[in-house]
Amino acid sequence: MIRFRKSALATTATTFAALAAAAVLIAPSADAQVWRVSVASGSSIGLGSSQYGSGCSYTVTVEGRSGDTAWFYDTGAYGTFSPQSVTIGSNGQATTSWTPQASGWHRIYADSYYGAAATDSFQVGTGINLGSACVVTG
């Protein structure tokens, strides 16, 4: 009878330890987040008020906690990202390429898995992509 109790107690303790370890591994970290997103205008030549043009590509930089993943979205007007998600490097940054498809206001979001997001808005004019430069009107 004593043998059974020791065996049951050992099994219960092992099960509890395994569950506690699993909970630690899957629990999100409280400070996991992205906190800044920025877009470089690159070699755009603005002939109007905007430095970003439709049909031209720009480098987007996100800053956040190393190892976290950031997903990018463009709301308000259509834009694409390549790649759509990035893993933040040991320097706290990651980059993607953004191509706005239409002129107008664009709001770029960089969201982390944990719900923290960084956002910024940009006015996009009509772009004439020359390959090495983008002429922006409007």
Protein backbone atom coordinates (compact mmCIF):
# COMPACT_ATOMS: atom_id res chain seq x y z
CA MET A 1 0.00 0.00 0.00
CA ILE A 2 2.84 2.37 0.80
CA ARG A 3 4.43 1.53 -2.53
CA PHE A 4 1.29 2.60 -4.36
CA ARG A 5 1.19 5.97 -2.58
CA LYS A 6 4.82 6.73 -3.39
CA SER A 7 4.26 5.79 -7.02
CA ALA A 8 1.07 7.89 -7.29
CA LEU A 9 2.76 10.81 -5.55
CA ALA A 10 5.75 10.62 -7.90
CA THR A 11 3.46 10.47 -10.95
CA THR A 12 1.45 13.46 -9.72
CA ALA A 13 4.58 15.50 -9.03
CA THR A 14 6.04 14.67 -12.45
CA THR A 15 2.78 15.58 -14.20
CA PHE A 16 2.52 18.87 -12.30
CA ALA A 17 6.14 19.76 -13.15
CA ALA A 18 5.57 19.01 -16.84
CA LEU A 19 2.43 21.16 -16.93
CA ALA A 20 4.19 24.04 -15.16
CA ALA A 21 7.08 23.87 -17.64
CA ALA A 22 4.69 23.87 -20.60
CA ALA A 23 2.85 26.90 -19.21
CA VAL A 24 6.11 28.82 -18.90
CA LEU A 25 7.10 27.98 -22.47
CA ILE A 26 3.82 29.05 -24.08
CA ALA A 27 3.02 32.08 -21.91
CA PRO A 28 3.57 35.39 -23.72
CA SER A 29 6.12 37.77 -22.30
CA ALA A 30 4.61 40.95 -20.87
CA ASP A 31 7.20 43.19 -22.54
CA ALA A 32 7.02 41.65 -26.02
CA GLN A 33 6.16 44.39 -28.48
CA VAL A 34 7.00 46.59 -31.40
CA TRP A 35 7.27 50.28 -30.69
CA ARG A 36 8.24 52.14 -33.86
CA VAL A 37 7.70 51.94 -37.60
CA SER A 38 9.27 54.28 -40.13
CA VAL A 39 9.49 54.55 -43.91
CA ALA A 40 12.54 55.85 -45.80
CA SER A 41 11.66 57.94 -48.86
CA GLY A 42 14.75 56.59 -50.64
CA SER A 43 15.43 58.12 -54.02
CA SER A 44 12.01 59.72 -54.52
CA ILE A 45 11.87 63.10 -56.19
CA GLY A 46 8.83 64.97 -54.92
CA LEU A 47 7.32 67.45 -57.37
CA GLY A 48 4.38 68.06 -55.03
CA SER A 49 3.75 67.78 -51.31
CA SER A 50 4.37 64.02 -51.04
CA GLN A 51 7.68 62.18 -50.92
CA TYR A 52 6.10 58.75 -51.54
CA GLY A 53 4.66 57.62 -54.88
CA SER A 54 2.25 54.87 -55.91
CA GLY A 55 3.92 51.99 -57.72
CA CYS A 56 7.33 52.73 -56.15
CA SER A 57 8.96 50.69 -53.37
CA TYR A 58 10.20 51.99 -50.02
CA THR A 59 12.09 50.46 -47.10
CA VAL A 60 10.04 50.12 -43.91
CA THR A 61 11.92 49.69 -40.63
CA VAL A 62 10.28 48.33 -37.50
CA GLU A 63 11.84 48.53 -34.04
CA GLY A 64 10.95 46.16 -31.24
CA ARG A 65 12.09 43.37 -29.02
CA SER A 66 14.67 41.02 -30.51
CA GLY A 67 13.18 37.74 -31.66
CA ASP A 68 9.58 38.99 -31.93
CA THR A 69 7.73 38.82 -35.24
CA ALA A 70 6.07 41.88 -36.77
CA TRP A 71 3.30 41.72 -39.40
CA PHE A 72 2.69 44.68 -41.71
CA TYR A 73 -0.63 46.09 -42.92
CA ASP A 74 -1.54 49.14 -44.99
CA THR A 75 -5.00 50.57 -44.34
CA GLY A 76 -6.82 53.47 -45.96
CA ALA A 77 -5.39 52.73 -49.40
CA TYR A 78 -3.95 49.58 -50.89
CA GLY A 79 -0.26 48.74 -50.44
CA THR A 80 1.80 45.55 -50.40
CA PHE A 81 4.74 44.36 -48.29
CA SER A 82 7.53 41.97 -49.21
CA PRO A 83 7.86 40.10 -46.95
CA GLN A 84 4.54 40.54 -45.07
CA SER A 85 6.14 39.57 -41.74
CA VAL A 86 9.67 39.81 -40.35
CA THR A 87 11.53 38.67 -37.26
CA ILE A 88 13.16 41.48 -35.32
CA GLY A 89 16.92 41.01 -35.20
CA SER A 90 19.36 41.21 -32.30
CA ASN A 91 19.81 44.93 -33.06
CA GLY A 92 16.09 45.51 -32.33
CA GLN A 93 15.21 46.22 -35.97
CA ALA A 94 13.88 44.53 -39.09
CA THR A 95 13.01 45.79 -42.56
CA THR A 96 10.56 45.04 -45.34
CA SER A 97 9.70 46.61 -48.67
CA TRP A 98 6.43 48.58 -49.05
CA THR A 99 4.82 49.42 -52.39
CA PRO A 100 1.76 51.66 -52.19
CA GLN A 101 -0.57 50.82 -55.09
CA ALA A 102 -2.74 53.96 -54.99
CA SER A 103 -2.35 57.62 -54.12
CA GLY A 104 -3.99 58.95 -50.95
CA TRP A 105 -3.48 58.52 -47.23
CA HIS A 106 -1.89 55.25 -46.12
CA ARG A 107 -1.58 54.08 -42.51
CA ILE A 108 1.05 51.42 -41.95
CA TYR A 109 0.72 49.11 -38.96
CA ALA A 110 3.44 46.85 -37.62
CA ASP A 111 1.76 44.39 -35.23
CA SER A 112 3.39 41.85 -32.98
CA TYR A 113 1.91 38.50 -32.01
CA TYR A 114 1.32 39.90 -28.53
CA GLY A 115 -0.96 42.73 -29.69
CA ALA A 116 1.48 45.63 -29.41
CA ALA A 117 1.50 47.76 -32.57
CA ALA A 118 3.34 50.71 -34.03
CA THR A 119 1.73 52.87 -36.69
CA ASP A 120 2.39 55.90 -38.86
CA SER A 121 0.52 57.70 -41.66
CA PHE A 122 1.83 58.80 -45.04
CA GLN A 123 0.43 60.85 -47.92
CA VAL A 124 1.16 59.07 -51.20
CA GLY A 125 1.13 60.88 -54.52
CA THR A 126 1.16 59.50 -58.04
CA GLY A 127 4.50 57.83 -58.68
CA ILE A 128 6.43 57.43 -61.91
CA ASN A 129 8.83 54.57 -61.28
CA LEU A 130 12.06 55.16 -63.23
CA GLY A 131 13.77 52.09 -61.76
CA SER A 132 16.54 53.85 -59.84
CA ALA A 133 14.32 56.75 -58.75
CA CYS A 134 10.66 57.61 -58.36
CA VAL A 135 9.18 60.91 -59.53
CA VAL A 136 6.22 61.80 -57.31
CA THR A 137 3.49 64.22 -58.35
CA GLY A 138 0.71 65.45 -56.13
